[in-house]
Amino acid sequence: MPRGVRLSAQGRARLAHLSDIRDVASPSQATQCGRELAGEVWLAADLLAARPWLPADTPPGEILNAVLHSEWRGLLALLGEYGPWVYAATVRDLQELARTYGALVTAAAQASEIAVYDAASRRGRLSLLARLETTDYRQPGAGGADLAALEHGFWQLAQAQAARQRIRQ
């Protein structure tokens, strides 16, 4: 339901801040965390979107073990309450993903409804913009950024980081 969630000023400010972060350093931690977060709707889809080499049908409860096996130790984080789940090898990588996602949120908040829907439709079901549209985050202004390119850039960065870590492994 578009804009069905009313954000408080604090909620609006937290749209691109870390909502959850976990250090995943061992298979037992991955299993425990995977069990705790198995009900998270976007966890598996987000982690798989950045890792096309993992089987697309990896169950949500097993996704962290698959990522850990592929890349080893990392930080699992949720970027904002309505943002993506990411897995990064270092704090620096996580900061880079957060900055990139923050740029998308900022640009989308100032964009027209048509621009947001157009960009979201290009990404389809996994669109981060579509997730944001469930809230009243937008405050249209003089937006003119290429939202599809910003969202694509976020996913490219996530995939490049995961691939780089996979190669190191």
Protein backbone atom coordinates (compact mmCIF):
# COMPACT_ATOMS: atom_id res chain seq x y z
CA MET A 1 0.00 0.00 0.00
CA PRO A 2 1.74 3.18 -1.17
CA ARG A 3 2.60 5.55 1.65
CA GLY A 4 0.56 3.53 4.16
CA VAL A 5 3.28 3.88 6.81
CA ARG A 6 3.48 7.33 8.40
CA LEU A 7 7.02 8.17 9.46
CA SER A 8 7.86 10.25 12.48
CA ALA A 9 10.65 12.80 12.14
CA GLN A 10 12.99 10.28 13.78
CA GLY A 11 11.80 7.52 11.46
CA ARG A 12 12.40 9.71 8.43
CA ALA A 13 15.92 10.51 9.69
CA ARG A 14 16.65 6.78 10.16
CA LEU A 15 15.61 5.70 6.66
CA ALA A 16 19.21 5.25 5.58
CA HIS A 17 20.84 4.46 8.93
CA LEU A 18 21.74 1.01 10.21
CA SER A 19 18.73 -0.64 11.79
CA ASP A 20 20.42 -3.92 12.62
CA ILE A 21 24.00 -5.16 12.48
CA ARG A 22 25.47 -8.57 13.29
CA ASP A 23 29.01 -9.89 13.17
CA VAL A 24 28.95 -13.27 11.45
CA ALA A 25 32.25 -15.02 12.11
CA SER A 26 31.47 -18.72 12.32
CA PRO A 27 29.05 -21.31 10.97
CA SER A 28 27.33 -21.52 14.37
CA GLN A 29 26.78 -17.75 14.40
CA ALA A 30 25.47 -17.89 10.85
CA THR A 31 23.07 -20.67 11.80
CA GLN A 32 21.84 -18.87 14.91
CA CYS A 33 21.46 -15.56 13.10
CA GLY A 34 19.80 -17.29 10.15
CA ARG A 35 17.29 -18.87 12.51
CA GLU A 36 16.58 -15.54 14.23
CA LEU A 37 16.09 -13.70 10.95
CA ALA A 38 14.44 -16.43 8.87
CA GLY A 39 11.16 -14.51 8.95
CA GLU A 40 12.69 -11.37 7.44
CA VAL A 41 10.95 -11.01 4.11
CA TRP A 42 13.87 -9.50 2.19
CA LEU A 43 16.89 -11.16 3.83
CA ALA A 44 17.44 -13.99 1.35
CA ALA A 45 16.35 -11.97 -1.69
CA ASP A 46 18.70 -9.10 -0.86
CA LEU A 47 21.70 -11.29 -0.15
CA LEU A 48 21.06 -13.35 -3.28
CA ALA A 49 20.64 -10.22 -5.44
CA ALA A 50 24.28 -9.41 -4.74
CA ARG A 51 25.42 -13.02 -5.20
CA PRO A 52 24.26 -14.55 -8.49
CA TRP A 53 26.64 -17.48 -7.94
CA LEU A 54 24.55 -18.79 -5.02
CA PRO A 55 21.51 -20.98 -5.81
CA ALA A 56 18.44 -18.77 -6.19
CA ASP A 57 16.35 -21.21 -4.16
CA THR A 58 18.55 -21.04 -1.04
CA PRO A 59 16.10 -21.04 1.90
CA PRO A 60 16.06 -17.92 4.11
CA GLY A 61 17.23 -19.92 7.13
CA GLU A 62 20.30 -21.15 5.23
CA ILE A 63 21.30 -18.03 3.32
CA LEU A 64 23.80 -16.79 5.91
CA ASN A 65 25.63 -20.12 5.97
CA ALA A 66 25.80 -20.03 2.17
CA VAL A 67 27.19 -16.49 2.21
CA LEU A 68 29.63 -17.31 5.01
CA HIS A 69 30.85 -20.36 3.11
CA SER A 70 31.30 -18.25 -0.03
CA GLU A 71 32.88 -15.14 1.52
CA TRP A 72 33.77 -15.99 5.10
CA ARG A 73 33.48 -13.59 8.02
CA GLY A 74 31.42 -10.45 7.57
CA LEU A 75 28.91 -7.96 8.87
CA LEU A 76 25.24 -8.50 8.21
CA ALA A 77 23.31 -5.24 8.35
CA LEU A 78 19.90 -3.81 7.59
CA LEU A 79 20.21 -0.36 6.03
CA GLY A 80 17.18 1.46 7.42
CA GLU A 81 13.90 -0.16 8.42
CA TYR A 82 12.77 -0.35 4.78
CA GLY A 83 16.13 -0.81 3.14
CA PRO A 84 18.22 -3.74 2.03
CA TRP A 85 19.98 -6.41 3.99
CA VAL A 86 23.67 -6.39 3.13
CA TYR A 87 26.67 -8.53 4.02
CA ALA A 88 30.01 -6.75 3.96
CA ALA A 89 33.51 -7.96 4.69
CA THR A 90 34.65 -4.79 6.45
CA VAL A 91 33.27 -1.73 8.20
CA ARG A 92 34.60 0.33 5.28
CA ASP A 93 32.60 -1.78 2.80
CA LEU A 94 29.51 -1.42 4.97
CA GLN A 95 29.97 2.36 5.12
CA GLU A 96 30.30 2.48 1.34
CA LEU A 97 27.05 0.55 0.90
CA ALA A 98 25.30 2.78 3.45
CA ARG A 99 26.47 5.95 1.64
CA THR A 100 25.31 4.60 -1.70
CA TYR A 101 21.92 3.61 -0.31
CA GLY A 102 21.65 6.98 1.48
CA ALA A 103 22.18 8.78 -1.83
CA LEU A 104 19.34 6.75 -3.35
CA VAL A 105 17.00 7.59 -0.44
CA THR A 106 17.87 11.29 -0.59
CA ALA A 107 17.36 11.48 -4.35
CA ALA A 108 14.10 9.51 -4.20
CA ALA A 109 12.73 11.69 -1.39
CA GLN A 110 13.01 14.71 -3.67
CA ALA A 111 11.74 13.03 -6.83
CA SER A 112 8.28 13.02 -8.31
CA GLU A 113 6.00 10.04 -7.85
CA ILE A 114 6.22 9.24 -11.56
CA ALA A 115 10.02 9.24 -11.49
CA VAL A 116 10.08 6.92 -8.47
CA TYR A 117 7.55 4.48 -9.92
CA ASP A 118 9.32 4.47 -13.28
CA ALA A 119 12.67 3.68 -11.68
CA ALA A 120 11.12 1.06 -9.35
CA SER A 121 9.43 -0.71 -12.24
CA ARG A 122 12.80 -1.19 -13.95
CA ARG A 123 14.09 -3.20 -11.00
CA GLY A 124 10.87 -5.13 -10.46
CA ARG A 125 10.04 -7.04 -7.31
CA LEU A 126 13.39 -6.36 -5.64
CA SER A 127 13.23 -2.58 -6.01
CA LEU A 128 14.43 -0.68 -2.99
CA LEU A 129 12.38 2.27 -4.21
CA ALA A 130 9.19 0.20 -4.07
CA ARG A 131 9.94 -0.61 -0.43
CA LEU A 132 10.38 3.06 0.37
CA GLU A 133 7.07 3.82 -1.32
CA THR A 134 5.25 1.98 1.46
CA THR A 135 6.12 4.98 3.64
CA ASP A 136 5.46 8.68 3.33
CA TYR A 137 9.19 9.39 2.94
CA ARG A 138 8.94 11.51 -0.19
CA GLN A 139 8.98 15.28 0.02
CA PRO A 140 9.14 16.27 -3.64
CA GLY A 141 11.42 19.10 -4.49
CA ALA A 142 13.86 19.86 -7.22
CA GLY A 143 14.83 16.23 -7.76
CA GLY A 144 16.38 15.28 -11.04
CA ALA A 145 18.66 12.37 -10.22
CA ASP A 146 18.52 9.17 -12.25
CA LEU A 147 16.94 6.95 -9.60
CA ALA A 148 17.23 3.77 -11.65
CA ALA A 149 20.95 4.41 -12.06
CA LEU A 150 21.37 5.07 -8.33
CA GLU A 151 19.56 1.86 -7.40
CA HIS A 152 21.46 -0.10 -10.03
CA GLY A 153 24.69 1.40 -8.67
CA PHE A 154 23.84 0.22 -5.17
CA TRP A 155 23.29 -3.36 -6.32
CA GLN A 156 26.42 -3.29 -8.51
CA LEU A 157 28.48 -2.15 -5.52
CA ALA A 158 27.01 -4.87 -3.29
CA GLN A 159 27.72 -7.49 -5.95
CA ALA A 160 31.28 -6.23 -6.58
CA GLN A 161 32.09 -6.32 -2.86
CA ALA A 162 30.69 -9.85 -2.51
CA ALA A 163 32.57 -11.05 -5.59
CA ARG A 164 35.81 -9.48 -4.34
CA GLN A 165 35.43 -11.22 -0.97
CA ARG A 166 34.53 -14.51 -2.65
CA ILE A 167 37.75 -14.37 -4.69
CA ARG A 168 39.81 -13.64 -1.53
CA GLN A 169 38.24 -16.67 0.09
